[in-house]
Amino acid sequence: MVEKIFIESGIPSRRRGDCTLYRVENPSKLILRRDLETLRSAFCKLTDKIYGADTAFHWYKHDQYFDELSKLWVIFIKGNLIGMATTKEEELCGEHIIYIDCMNIFPVSGNLFWGQSLGALLGREILLSSWTFIHKPVSVIFRTQNANVYSLGYSVLPSGIYPQIGQRNNRDLQRSQRIAKYMAEYLSPGKYYELDKSVIRGAYYGYLYGNEIIAKSSRADLNQFFKENINKEEGDALLIVVSSKKWEFIAAIVSHSLCIFLQKINPMGLPKSNVIGRMLHSLFNLKTKIFRWKKSI
C-alpha cells in the first residue's frame, strides 16, 4: 500500500474533507530510497491512467528524481492514491519562486474540501506551506501543454496571470515578463521563447497527453489559443506566471487556514451549501471580486 510509506516514514497526515493529504519537504531526506522508487512507480502508473499515455519519460528522466524537489504532495481517498504534485522553490529574480513541476489528479467525486476542486486544494496548500515568505514578492510558475492548468492559475489570481488570454489586462506586465523571460531560460535552456505569447518552443520531447480531452478547457478561447500557438507534437509548452501582491498572498493563506480550522471544529466538514461554506467560498475569490469592482469604477 502506497500510503503505508508515508505512515512508516512518520509523515503527518492532514485531513481535508474525504481526502488525506501528505506534504513532504525534501522527500529524498525523509523517505528511504527504496520507498522513493516505489512512489515513482506508483506515480507513473497514476499518470499513465490519467492521460492515457506512457509518462515514464517524465518520472525517469533523472536517476534521482526526488533529489531535485523542494516539496512533494500526495492525496489519498480511502487509501487509494488519487493525486500528487511536486514543487521546486528558489529565490530567483528578486522573488520567491514556486515552480509547480507537476500536478496530476485522477477525477473523483465525494465530500471534497469546502467544495473545491482537488487542483484548487493543492494550489492553496502549496501557497499555505510558503507562509514564511509573506514578506517577499511571490510568483507561481507552470510550464504546460494543458489548457486546464491555465484555468487553475487564472482562478487563483486573474489579474496577476501572464500571459493574459482573453479581455483582462495584466496589471504589472513589466514584472510578469521579467520573471517569464528568466524562467523560460531557467527551465528550458537554449530553447526559443516567444515572450508575447509566452510559448517555449520544443520545451518537451513531444505531446504529453494521450487523451486529448484531458488537456482541453471549458473555455473556448483557451482551446483556440492552444490550437493556434502551441505545436504540441513538437513539444511546445505555455509558460504561465502568476504573480501576487503581498496582501493577496496573505489573504489566500488566511482564508485557507480558516477553512482548516473550521474543519477541525467539525471533522465531518460542512457541506458547500452551508451558510458558512458559502461565505468561505466567496472569501476564496475575494481578490477577484475586488479587481472586478475596481475595473468597473
C-alpha atoms as a PDB file:
ATOM      1  CA  MET A   1       0.000   0.000   0.000  1.00  0.00           C
ATOM      2  CA  VAL A   2       1.496   3.328  -1.102  1.00  0.00           C
ATOM      3  CA  GLU A   3       0.068   5.301   1.832  1.00  0.00           C
ATOM      4  CA  LYS A   4       1.909   2.985   4.210  1.00  0.00           C
ATOM      5  CA  ILE A   5       5.201   4.522   3.057  1.00  0.00           C
ATOM      6  CA  PHE A   6       4.200   7.911   4.466  1.00  0.00           C
ATOM      7  CA  ILE A   7       2.872   6.416   7.693  1.00  0.00           C
ATOM      8  CA  GLU A   8       6.047   4.383   8.303  1.00  0.00           C
ATOM      9  CA  SER A   9       8.208   7.403   7.420  1.00  0.00           C
ATOM     10  CA  GLY A  10       6.490   9.428  10.147  1.00  0.00           C
ATOM     11  CA  ILE A  11       4.974  11.940   7.716  1.00  0.00           C
ATOM     12  CA  PRO A  12       1.940  13.572   9.373  1.00  0.00           C
ATOM     13  CA  SER A  13      -1.371  13.323   7.537  1.00  0.00           C
ATOM     14  CA  ARG A  14      -3.754  16.227   7.002  1.00  0.00           C
ATOM     15  CA  ARG A  15      -7.493  15.682   6.703  1.00  0.00           C
ATOM     16  CA  ARG A  16      -9.256  17.695   4.003  1.00  0.00           C
ATOM     17  CA  GLY A  17     -12.857  16.524   3.585  1.00  0.00           C
ATOM     18  CA  ASP A  18     -12.720  12.937   2.329  1.00  0.00           C
ATOM     19  CA  CYS A  19      -9.088  13.429   1.352  1.00  0.00           C
ATOM     20  CA  THR A  20      -5.974  12.557   3.291  1.00  0.00           C
ATOM     21  CA  LEU A  21      -3.105  14.821   2.316  1.00  0.00           C
ATOM     22  CA  TYR A  22       0.619  14.303   2.915  1.00  0.00           C
ATOM     23  CA  ARG A  23       3.204  17.052   2.494  1.00  0.00           C
ATOM     24  CA  VAL A  24       6.860  16.062   2.418  1.00  0.00           C
ATOM     25  CA  GLU A  25       9.611  18.669   2.437  1.00  0.00           C
ATOM     26  CA  ASN A  26      12.883  17.445   0.916  1.00  0.00           C
ATOM     27  CA  PRO A  27      11.457  13.962   0.240  1.00  0.00           C
ATOM     28  CA  SER A  28      14.857  12.414  -0.579  1.00  0.00           C
ATOM     29  CA  LYS A  29      15.949  13.117   3.013  1.00  0.00           C
ATOM     30  CA  LEU A  30      12.841  11.847   4.776  1.00  0.00           C
ATOM     31  CA  ILE A  31      11.863   8.761   2.767  1.00  0.00           C
ATOM     32  CA  LEU A  32      14.046   5.713   2.187  1.00  0.00           C
ATOM     33  CA  ARG A  33      15.465   5.340  -1.318  1.00  0.00           C
ATOM     34  CA  ARG A  34      13.683   2.040  -1.975  1.00  0.00           C
ATOM     35  CA  ASP A  35      10.388   3.625  -0.923  1.00  0.00           C
ATOM     36  CA  LEU A  36      11.015   6.574  -3.232  1.00  0.00           C
ATOM     37  CA  GLU A  37      11.371   4.135  -6.115  1.00  0.00           C
ATOM     38  CA  THR A  38       8.047   2.548  -5.110  1.00  0.00           C
ATOM     39  CA  LEU A  39       6.468   6.006  -5.123  1.00  0.00           C
ATOM     40  CA  ARG A  40       7.942   6.824  -8.508  1.00  0.00           C
ATOM     41  CA  SER A  41       6.468   3.643  -9.959  1.00  0.00           C
ATOM     42  CA  ALA A  42       3.058   4.396  -8.377  1.00  0.00           C
ATOM     43  CA  PHE A  43       3.073   7.978  -9.693  1.00  0.00           C
ATOM     44  CA  CYS A  44       3.980   6.747 -13.161  1.00  0.00           C
ATOM     45  CA  LYS A  45       1.068   4.285 -13.160  1.00  0.00           C
ATOM     46  CA  LEU A  46      -1.278   7.037 -11.948  1.00  0.00           C
ATOM     47  CA  THR A  47      -0.292   9.470 -14.712  1.00  0.00           C
ATOM     48  CA  ASP A  48      -0.412   6.714 -17.357  1.00  0.00           C
ATOM     49  CA  LYS A  49      -4.003   6.081 -16.264  1.00  0.00           C
ATOM     50  CA  ILE A  50      -4.970   9.756 -16.131  1.00  0.00           C
ATOM     51  CA  TYR A  51      -3.543  10.736 -19.513  1.00  0.00           C
ATOM     52  CA  GLY A  52      -3.863   7.502 -21.430  1.00  0.00           C
ATOM     53  CA  ALA A  53      -0.206   7.684 -22.433  1.00  0.00           C
ATOM     54  CA  ASP A  54       3.228   6.391 -21.443  1.00  0.00           C
ATOM     55  CA  THR A  55       4.525   9.011 -18.995  1.00  0.00           C
ATOM     56  CA  ALA A  56       7.650   7.133 -17.860  1.00  0.00           C
ATOM     57  CA  PHE A  57       9.897   9.658 -19.653  1.00  0.00           C
ATOM     58  CA  HIS A  58       8.938  12.285 -17.057  1.00  0.00           C
ATOM     59  CA  TRP A  59       9.449  10.148 -13.967  1.00  0.00           C
ATOM     60  CA  TYR A  60      12.646   8.500 -15.134  1.00  0.00           C
ATOM     61  CA  LYS A  61      14.348  11.410 -16.899  1.00  0.00           C
ATOM     62  CA  HIS A  62      16.691  11.730 -13.902  1.00  0.00           C
ATOM     63  CA  ASP A  63      18.042   8.850 -11.834  1.00  0.00           C
ATOM     64  CA  GLN A  64      17.461  10.735  -8.602  1.00  0.00           C
ATOM     65  CA  TYR A  65      14.213  12.485  -9.485  1.00  0.00           C
ATOM     66  CA  PHE A  66      13.208  13.310  -5.909  1.00  0.00           C
ATOM     67  CA  ASP A  67      16.554  14.917  -5.043  1.00  0.00           C
ATOM     68  CA  GLU A  68      15.629  17.981  -7.094  1.00  0.00           C
ATOM     69  CA  LEU A  69      12.291  18.591  -5.374  1.00  0.00           C
ATOM     70  CA  SER A  70      11.575  21.051  -2.586  1.00  0.00           C
ATOM     71  CA  LYS A  71       8.200  19.536  -1.661  1.00  0.00           C
ATOM     72  CA  LEU A  72       6.045  16.557  -2.538  1.00  0.00           C
ATOM     73  CA  TRP A  73       2.266  16.496  -2.126  1.00  0.00           C
ATOM     74  CA  VAL A  74       0.189  13.309  -2.237  1.00  0.00           C
ATOM     75  CA  ILE A  75      -3.601  12.861  -1.875  1.00  0.00           C
ATOM     76  CA  PHE A  76      -5.429   9.657  -0.933  1.00  0.00           C
ATOM     77  CA  ILE A  77      -9.119   8.842  -0.582  1.00  0.00           C
ATOM     78  CA  LYS A  78      -9.801   5.739   1.494  1.00  0.00           C
ATOM     79  CA  GLY A  79      -6.232   4.579   0.957  1.00  0.00           C
ATOM     80  CA  ASN A  80      -6.333   4.993  -2.814  1.00  0.00           C
ATOM     81  CA  LEU A  81      -3.786   7.275  -4.487  1.00  0.00           C
ATOM     82  CA  ILE A  82      -5.739   9.856  -6.489  1.00  0.00           C
ATOM     83  CA  GLY A  83      -3.430  12.849  -6.851  1.00  0.00           C
ATOM     84  CA  MET A  84       0.003  14.312  -6.359  1.00  0.00           C
ATOM     85  CA  ALA A  85       2.096  17.405  -7.016  1.00  0.00           C
ATOM     86  CA  THR A  86       5.765  18.315  -6.847  1.00  0.00           C
ATOM     87  CA  THR A  87       7.283  21.759  -6.408  1.00  0.00           C
ATOM     88  CA  LYS A  88      10.674  23.387  -6.607  1.00  0.00           C
ATOM     89  CA  GLU A  89      11.175  26.620  -4.683  1.00  0.00           C
ATOM     90  CA  GLU A  90      14.038  29.065  -5.042  1.00  0.00           C
ATOM     91  CA  GLU A  91      14.907  32.728  -4.649  1.00  0.00           C
ATOM     92  CA  LEU A  92      15.151  33.986  -8.236  1.00  0.00           C
ATOM     93  CA  CYS A  93      14.568  37.347  -9.952  1.00  0.00           C
ATOM     94  CA  GLY A  94      14.304  39.031  -6.559  1.00  0.00           C
ATOM     95  CA  GLU A  95      11.244  36.900  -5.712  1.00  0.00           C
ATOM     96  CA  HIS A  96      10.307  33.667  -4.026  1.00  0.00           C
ATOM     97  CA  ILE A  97       9.558  31.405  -6.986  1.00  0.00           C
ATOM     98  CA  ILE A  98       7.291  28.364  -6.599  1.00  0.00           C
ATOM     99  CA  TYR A  99       7.620  26.185  -9.683  1.00  0.00           C
ATOM    100  CA  ILE A 100       4.910  23.526  -9.842  1.00  0.00           C
ATOM    101  CA  ASP A 101       6.826  20.807 -11.662  1.00  0.00           C
ATOM    102  CA  CYS A 102       3.774  18.580 -11.988  1.00  0.00           C
ATOM    103  CA  MET A 103       0.233  18.286 -10.667  1.00  0.00           C
ATOM    104  CA  ASN A 104      -1.694  15.145 -11.565  1.00  0.00           C
ATOM    105  CA  ILE A 105      -5.179  14.350 -10.282  1.00  0.00           C
ATOM    106  CA  PHE A 106      -7.497  11.462 -11.075  1.00  0.00           C
ATOM    107  CA  PRO A 107     -11.121  12.674 -11.450  1.00  0.00           C
ATOM    108  CA  VAL A 108     -13.125  11.804  -8.335  1.00  0.00           C
ATOM    109  CA  SER A 109     -16.334  12.816  -6.591  1.00  0.00           C
ATOM    110  CA  GLY A 110     -17.219  12.963  -2.932  1.00  0.00           C
ATOM    111  CA  ASN A 111     -17.026  15.303   0.051  1.00  0.00           C
ATOM    112  CA  LEU A 112     -14.140  17.390  -1.206  1.00  0.00           C
ATOM    113  CA  PHE A 113     -12.749  20.175   0.949  1.00  0.00           C
ATOM    114  CA  TRP A 114     -15.286  23.065   1.013  1.00  0.00           C
ATOM    115  CA  GLY A 115     -16.416  22.198  -2.491  1.00  0.00           C
ATOM    116  CA  GLN A 116     -13.002  22.966  -4.004  1.00  0.00           C
ATOM    117  CA  SER A 117     -11.566  21.036  -6.901  1.00  0.00           C
ATOM    118  CA  LEU A 118      -8.545  18.950  -5.944  1.00  0.00           C
ATOM    119  CA  GLY A 119      -6.409  21.159  -8.161  1.00  0.00           C
ATOM    120  CA  ALA A 120      -7.518  24.268  -6.273  1.00  0.00           C
ATOM    121  CA  LEU A 121      -6.987  22.470  -2.951  1.00  0.00           C
ATOM    122  CA  LEU A 122      -3.423  21.526  -3.870  1.00  0.00           C
ATOM    123  CA  GLY A 123      -2.750  25.036  -5.143  1.00  0.00           C
ATOM    124  CA  ARG A 124      -3.857  26.617  -1.864  1.00  0.00           C
ATOM    125  CA  GLU A 125      -1.969  24.049   0.201  1.00  0.00           C
ATOM    126  CA  ILE A 126       1.180  24.900  -1.757  1.00  0.00           C
ATOM    127  CA  LEU A 127       0.701  28.604  -1.007  1.00  0.00           C
ATOM    128  CA  LEU A 128      -0.018  27.896   2.656  1.00  0.00           C
ATOM    129  CA  SER A 129       3.222  25.920   3.023  1.00  0.00           C
ATOM    130  CA  SER A 130       5.168  29.002   1.896  1.00  0.00           C
ATOM    131  CA  TRP A 131       3.679  31.325   4.501  1.00  0.00           C
ATOM    132  CA  THR A 132       7.153  32.204   5.850  1.00  0.00           C
ATOM    133  CA  PHE A 133       7.724  34.212   2.650  1.00  0.00           C
ATOM    134  CA  ILE A 134       4.837  36.641   3.159  1.00  0.00           C
ATOM    135  CA  HIS A 135       7.357  39.487   3.455  1.00  0.00           C
ATOM    136  CA  LYS A 136       8.588  38.845  -0.098  1.00  0.00           C
ATOM    137  CA  PRO A 137       7.016  39.042  -3.553  1.00  0.00           C
ATOM    138  CA  VAL A 138       5.872  35.551  -4.578  1.00  0.00           C
ATOM    139  CA  SER A 139       5.242  34.117  -8.043  1.00  0.00           C
ATOM    140  CA  VAL A 140       3.933  30.683  -9.037  1.00  0.00           C
ATOM    141  CA  ILE A 141       5.202  29.168 -12.293  1.00  0.00           C
ATOM    142  CA  PHE A 142       3.716  26.481 -14.557  1.00  0.00           C
ATOM    143  CA  ARG A 143       5.043  25.009 -17.817  1.00  0.00           C
ATOM    144  CA  THR A 144       2.326  23.066 -19.579  1.00  0.00           C
ATOM    145  CA  GLN A 145       0.555  21.768 -22.682  1.00  0.00           C
ATOM    146  CA  ASN A 146      -2.728  21.543 -20.780  1.00  0.00           C
ATOM    147  CA  ALA A 147      -5.243  24.405 -21.087  1.00  0.00           C
ATOM    148  CA  ASN A 148      -6.796  23.439 -17.739  1.00  0.00           C
ATOM    149  CA  VAL A 149      -3.573  24.391 -15.966  1.00  0.00           C
ATOM    150  CA  TYR A 150      -4.037  27.940 -17.232  1.00  0.00           C
ATOM    151  CA  SER A 151      -7.588  27.889 -15.858  1.00  0.00           C
ATOM    152  CA  LEU A 152      -6.212  26.835 -12.472  1.00  0.00           C
ATOM    153  CA  GLY A 153      -3.740  29.711 -12.409  1.00  0.00           C
ATOM    154  CA  TYR A 154      -6.435  32.125 -13.585  1.00  0.00           C
ATOM    155  CA  SER A 155      -8.746  31.042 -10.778  1.00  0.00           C
ATOM    156  CA  VAL A 156      -6.057  31.879  -8.222  1.00  0.00           C
ATOM    157  CA  LEU A 157      -5.371  35.403  -9.476  1.00  0.00           C
ATOM    158  CA  PRO A 158      -6.941  36.599 -12.777  1.00  0.00           C
ATOM    159  CA  SER A 159      -5.202  39.981 -12.935  1.00  0.00           C
ATOM    160  CA  GLY A 160      -1.803  38.602 -11.939  1.00  0.00           C
ATOM    161  CA  ILE A 161      -1.517  35.870 -14.573  1.00  0.00           C
ATOM    162  CA  TYR A 162       0.742  36.022 -17.627  1.00  0.00           C
ATOM    163  CA  PRO A 163       0.114  35.664 -20.491  1.00  0.00           C
ATOM    164  CA  GLN A 164      -3.347  37.179 -20.472  1.00  0.00           C
ATOM    165  CA  ILE A 165      -5.673  35.168 -22.685  1.00  0.00           C
ATOM    166  CA  GLY A 166      -8.963  36.987 -23.026  1.00  0.00           C
ATOM    167  CA  GLN A 167     -10.096  40.549 -22.350  1.00  0.00           C
ATOM    168  CA  ARG A 168      -8.428  41.190 -19.000  1.00  0.00           C
ATOM    169  CA  ASN A 169      -5.113  43.084 -18.868  1.00  0.00           C
ATOM    170  CA  ASN A 170      -2.139  42.095 -16.768  1.00  0.00           C
ATOM    171  CA  ARG A 171      -1.747  44.735 -14.076  1.00  0.00           C
ATOM    172  CA  ASP A 172       2.082  44.518 -13.874  1.00  0.00           C
ATOM    173  CA  LEU A 173       3.276  43.485 -17.312  1.00  0.00           C
ATOM    174  CA  GLN A 174       6.891  44.507 -16.717  1.00  0.00           C
ATOM    175  CA  ARG A 175       7.207  42.322 -13.622  1.00  0.00           C
ATOM    176  CA  SER A 176       5.493  39.349 -15.271  1.00  0.00           C
ATOM    177  CA  GLN A 177       7.620  39.499 -18.416  1.00  0.00           C
ATOM    178  CA  ARG A 178      10.835  39.880 -16.432  1.00  0.00           C
ATOM    179  CA  ILE A 179      10.057  36.706 -14.494  1.00  0.00           C
ATOM    180  CA  ALA A 180       8.796  34.873 -17.587  1.00  0.00           C
ATOM    181  CA  LYS A 181      11.973  35.536 -19.596  1.00  0.00           C
ATOM    182  CA  TYR A 182      14.159  34.384 -16.740  1.00  0.00           C
ATOM    183  CA  MET A 183      12.154  31.229 -16.015  1.00  0.00           C
ATOM    184  CA  ALA A 184      11.918  30.228 -19.684  1.00  0.00           C
ATOM    185  CA  GLU A 185      15.707  30.054 -19.909  1.00  0.00           C
ATOM    186  CA  TYR A 186      15.968  28.521 -16.441  1.00  0.00           C
ATOM    187  CA  LEU A 187      13.524  25.692 -17.217  1.00  0.00           C
ATOM    188  CA  SER A 188      14.323  25.156 -20.898  1.00  0.00           C
ATOM    189  CA  PRO A 189      17.889  26.346 -21.513  1.00  0.00           C
ATOM    190  CA  GLY A 190      18.647  27.160 -25.140  1.00  0.00           C
ATOM    191  CA  LYS A 191      15.017  26.808 -26.285  1.00  0.00           C
ATOM    192  CA  TYR A 192      13.381  29.651 -28.208  1.00  0.00           C
ATOM    193  CA  TYR A 193      10.895  31.615 -26.112  1.00  0.00           C
ATOM    194  CA  GLU A 194       8.161  33.812 -27.633  1.00  0.00           C
ATOM    195  CA  LEU A 195       7.606  36.445 -24.999  1.00  0.00           C
ATOM    196  CA  ASP A 196       4.365  37.951 -26.334  1.00  0.00           C
ATOM    197  CA  LYS A 197       2.635  34.546 -26.320  1.00  0.00           C
ATOM    198  CA  SER A 198       4.780  33.067 -23.521  1.00  0.00           C
ATOM    199  CA  VAL A 199       5.422  29.885 -25.506  1.00  0.00           C
ATOM    200  CA  ILE A 200       8.612  27.835 -25.193  1.00  0.00           C
ATOM    201  CA  ARG A 201       9.314  26.089 -28.485  1.00  0.00           C
ATOM    202  CA  GLY A 202      10.374  22.464 -28.105  1.00  0.00           C
ATOM    203  CA  ALA A 203      10.189  22.516 -24.314  1.00  0.00           C
ATOM    204  CA  TYR A 204       9.250  18.811 -24.254  1.00  0.00           C
ATOM    205  CA  TYR A 205      10.012  15.789 -26.412  1.00  0.00           C
ATOM    206  CA  GLY A 206       6.517  15.818 -27.870  1.00  0.00           C
ATOM    207  CA  TYR A 207       2.878  15.788 -26.801  1.00  0.00           C
ATOM    208  CA  LEU A 208       2.449  14.595 -23.224  1.00  0.00           C
ATOM    209  CA  TYR A 209      -1.232  13.661 -23.236  1.00  0.00           C
ATOM    210  CA  GLY A 210      -2.561  10.576 -24.979  1.00  0.00           C
ATOM    211  CA  ASN A 211      -6.122  11.587 -24.120  1.00  0.00           C
ATOM    212  CA  GLU A 212      -6.833  14.871 -25.908  1.00  0.00           C
ATOM    213  CA  ILE A 213      -9.911  15.535 -23.760  1.00  0.00           C
ATOM    214  CA  ILE A 214      -7.771  15.788 -20.602  1.00  0.00           C
ATOM    215  CA  ALA A 215      -5.903  18.806 -21.967  1.00  0.00           C
ATOM    216  CA  LYS A 216      -8.982  20.719 -23.158  1.00  0.00           C
ATOM    217  CA  SER A 217     -10.569  23.543 -21.215  1.00  0.00           C
ATOM    218  CA  SER A 218     -14.216  24.517 -20.878  1.00  0.00           C
ATOM    219  CA  ARG A 219     -13.118  27.955 -22.186  1.00  0.00           C
ATOM    220  CA  ALA A 220     -13.285  28.093 -25.975  1.00  0.00           C
ATOM    221  CA  ASP A 221     -10.810  31.000 -26.170  1.00  0.00           C
ATOM    222  CA  LEU A 222      -8.198  28.980 -24.287  1.00  0.00           C
ATOM    223  CA  ASN A 223      -8.595  25.982 -26.559  1.00  0.00           C
ATOM    224  CA  GLN A 224      -8.308  28.251 -29.579  1.00  0.00           C
ATOM    225  CA  PHE A 225      -5.147  29.883 -28.215  1.00  0.00           C
ATOM    226  CA  PHE A 226      -3.508  26.491 -27.664  1.00  0.00           C
ATOM    227  CA  LYS A 227      -4.568  25.315 -31.126  1.00  0.00           C
ATOM    228  CA  GLU A 228      -3.177  28.389 -32.879  1.00  0.00           C
ATOM    229  CA  ASN A 229       0.007  28.971 -30.894  1.00  0.00           C
ATOM    230  CA  ILE A 230       1.269  25.688 -29.449  1.00  0.00           C
ATOM    231  CA  ASN A 231       2.516  22.857 -31.637  1.00  0.00           C
ATOM    232  CA  LYS A 232       2.121  20.033 -29.142  1.00  0.00           C
ATOM    233  CA  GLU A 233       3.655  17.386 -31.383  1.00  0.00           C
ATOM    234  CA  GLU A 234       6.836  19.485 -31.493  1.00  0.00           C
ATOM    235  CA  GLY A 235       6.835  19.737 -27.693  1.00  0.00           C
ATOM    236  CA  ASP A 236       5.843  23.403 -27.383  1.00  0.00           C
ATOM    237  CA  ALA A 237       4.645  24.490 -23.949  1.00  0.00           C
ATOM    238  CA  LEU A 238       2.957  27.513 -22.417  1.00  0.00           C
ATOM    239  CA  LEU A 239       4.901  29.208 -19.627  1.00  0.00           C
ATOM    240  CA  ILE A 240       2.499  30.626 -17.028  1.00  0.00           C
ATOM    241  CA  VAL A 241       3.467  33.172 -14.382  1.00  0.00           C
ATOM    242  CA  VAL A 242       1.072  34.041 -11.540  1.00  0.00           C
ATOM    243  CA  SER A 243       2.463  36.986  -9.564  1.00  0.00           C
ATOM    244  CA  SER A 244       0.778  38.053  -6.343  1.00  0.00           C
ATOM    245  CA  LYS A 245       0.970  41.144  -4.224  1.00  0.00           C
ATOM    246  CA  LYS A 246       1.827  40.660  -0.564  1.00  0.00           C
ATOM    247  CA  TRP A 247      -1.705  41.295   0.698  1.00  0.00           C
ATOM    248  CA  GLU A 248      -3.126  38.815  -1.826  1.00  0.00           C
ATOM    249  CA  PHE A 249      -0.696  36.142  -0.707  1.00  0.00           C
ATOM    250  CA  ILE A 250      -1.624  36.798   2.929  1.00  0.00           C
ATOM    251  CA  ALA A 251      -5.369  36.757   2.107  1.00  0.00           C
ATOM    252  CA  ALA A 252      -5.055  33.360   0.380  1.00  0.00           C
ATOM    253  CA  ILE A 253      -3.205  31.914   3.369  1.00  0.00           C
ATOM    254  CA  VAL A 254      -5.650  33.320   5.927  1.00  0.00           C
ATOM    255  CA  SER A 255      -8.770  32.146   4.074  1.00  0.00           C
ATOM    256  CA  HIS A 256      -7.437  28.608   3.599  1.00  0.00           C
ATOM    257  CA  SER A 257      -6.242  28.455   7.212  1.00  0.00           C
ATOM    258  CA  LEU A 258      -9.713  29.465   8.358  1.00  0.00           C
ATOM    259  CA  CYS A 259     -11.253  26.579   6.404  1.00  0.00           C
ATOM    260  CA  ILE A 260      -8.797  24.149   8.003  1.00  0.00           C
ATOM    261  CA  PHE A 261      -9.633  25.492  11.460  1.00  0.00           C
ATOM    262  CA  LEU A 262     -13.382  25.155  10.891  1.00  0.00           C
ATOM    263  CA  GLN A 263     -12.996  21.567   9.699  1.00  0.00           C
ATOM    264  CA  LYS A 264     -11.151  20.749  12.928  1.00  0.00           C
ATOM    265  CA  ILE A 265     -14.180  22.049  14.830  1.00  0.00           C
ATOM    266  CA  ASN A 266     -16.421  19.855  12.687  1.00  0.00           C
ATOM    267  CA  PRO A 267     -14.284  16.915  11.418  1.00  0.00           C
ATOM    268  CA  MET A 268     -17.053  15.740   9.076  1.00  0.00           C
ATOM    269  CA  GLY A 269     -16.757  19.004   7.169  1.00  0.00           C
ATOM    270  CA  LEU A 270     -19.567  21.401   6.395  1.00  0.00           C
ATOM    271  CA  PRO A 271     -21.315  20.998   3.037  1.00  0.00           C
ATOM    272  CA  LYS A 272     -20.801  23.645   0.401  1.00  0.00           C
ATOM    273  CA  SER A 273     -24.471  24.576   0.693  1.00  0.00           C
ATOM    274  CA  ASN A 274     -23.968  25.587   4.338  1.00  0.00           C
ATOM    275  CA  VAL A 275     -24.071  29.330   5.046  1.00  0.00           C
ATOM    276  CA  ILE A 276     -20.509  29.323   6.400  1.00  0.00           C
ATOM    277  CA  GLY A 277     -19.397  27.223   3.469  1.00  0.00           C
ATOM    278  CA  ARG A 278     -20.829  29.777   1.054  1.00  0.00           C
ATOM    279  CA  MET A 279     -19.152  32.585   2.982  1.00  0.00           C
ATOM    280  CA  LEU A 280     -15.753  30.894   2.782  1.00  0.00           C
ATOM    281  CA  HIS A 281     -16.241  30.049  -0.872  1.00  0.00           C
ATOM    282  CA  SER A 282     -16.761  33.768  -1.516  1.00  0.00           C
ATOM    283  CA  LEU A 283     -13.707  34.607   0.589  1.00  0.00           C
ATOM    284  CA  PHE A 284     -11.545  32.396  -1.628  1.00  0.00           C
ATOM    285  CA  ASN A 285     -12.428  34.623  -4.583  1.00  0.00           C
ATOM    286  CA  LEU A 286     -12.471  37.944  -2.729  1.00  0.00           C
ATOM    287  CA  LYS A 287      -9.463  39.309  -4.582  1.00  0.00           C
ATOM    288  CA  THR A 288     -11.110  38.549  -7.933  1.00  0.00           C
ATOM    289  CA  LYS A 289     -14.247  40.455  -6.949  1.00  0.00           C
ATOM    290  CA  ILE A 290     -12.206  43.422  -5.746  1.00  0.00           C
ATOM    291  CA  PHE A 291     -10.395  43.692  -9.072  1.00  0.00           C
ATOM    292  CA  ARG A 292     -13.671  43.477 -10.984  1.00  0.00           C
ATOM    293  CA  TRP A 293     -15.085  46.250  -8.829  1.00  0.00           C
ATOM    294  CA  LYS A 294     -12.007  48.446  -9.394  1.00  0.00           C
ATOM    295  CA  LYS A 295     -12.299  47.914 -13.133  1.00  0.00           C
ATOM    296  CA  SER A 296     -15.954  48.970 -13.168  1.00  0.00           C
ATOM    297  CA  ILE A 297     -15.495  52.327 -11.423  1.00  0.00           C
END
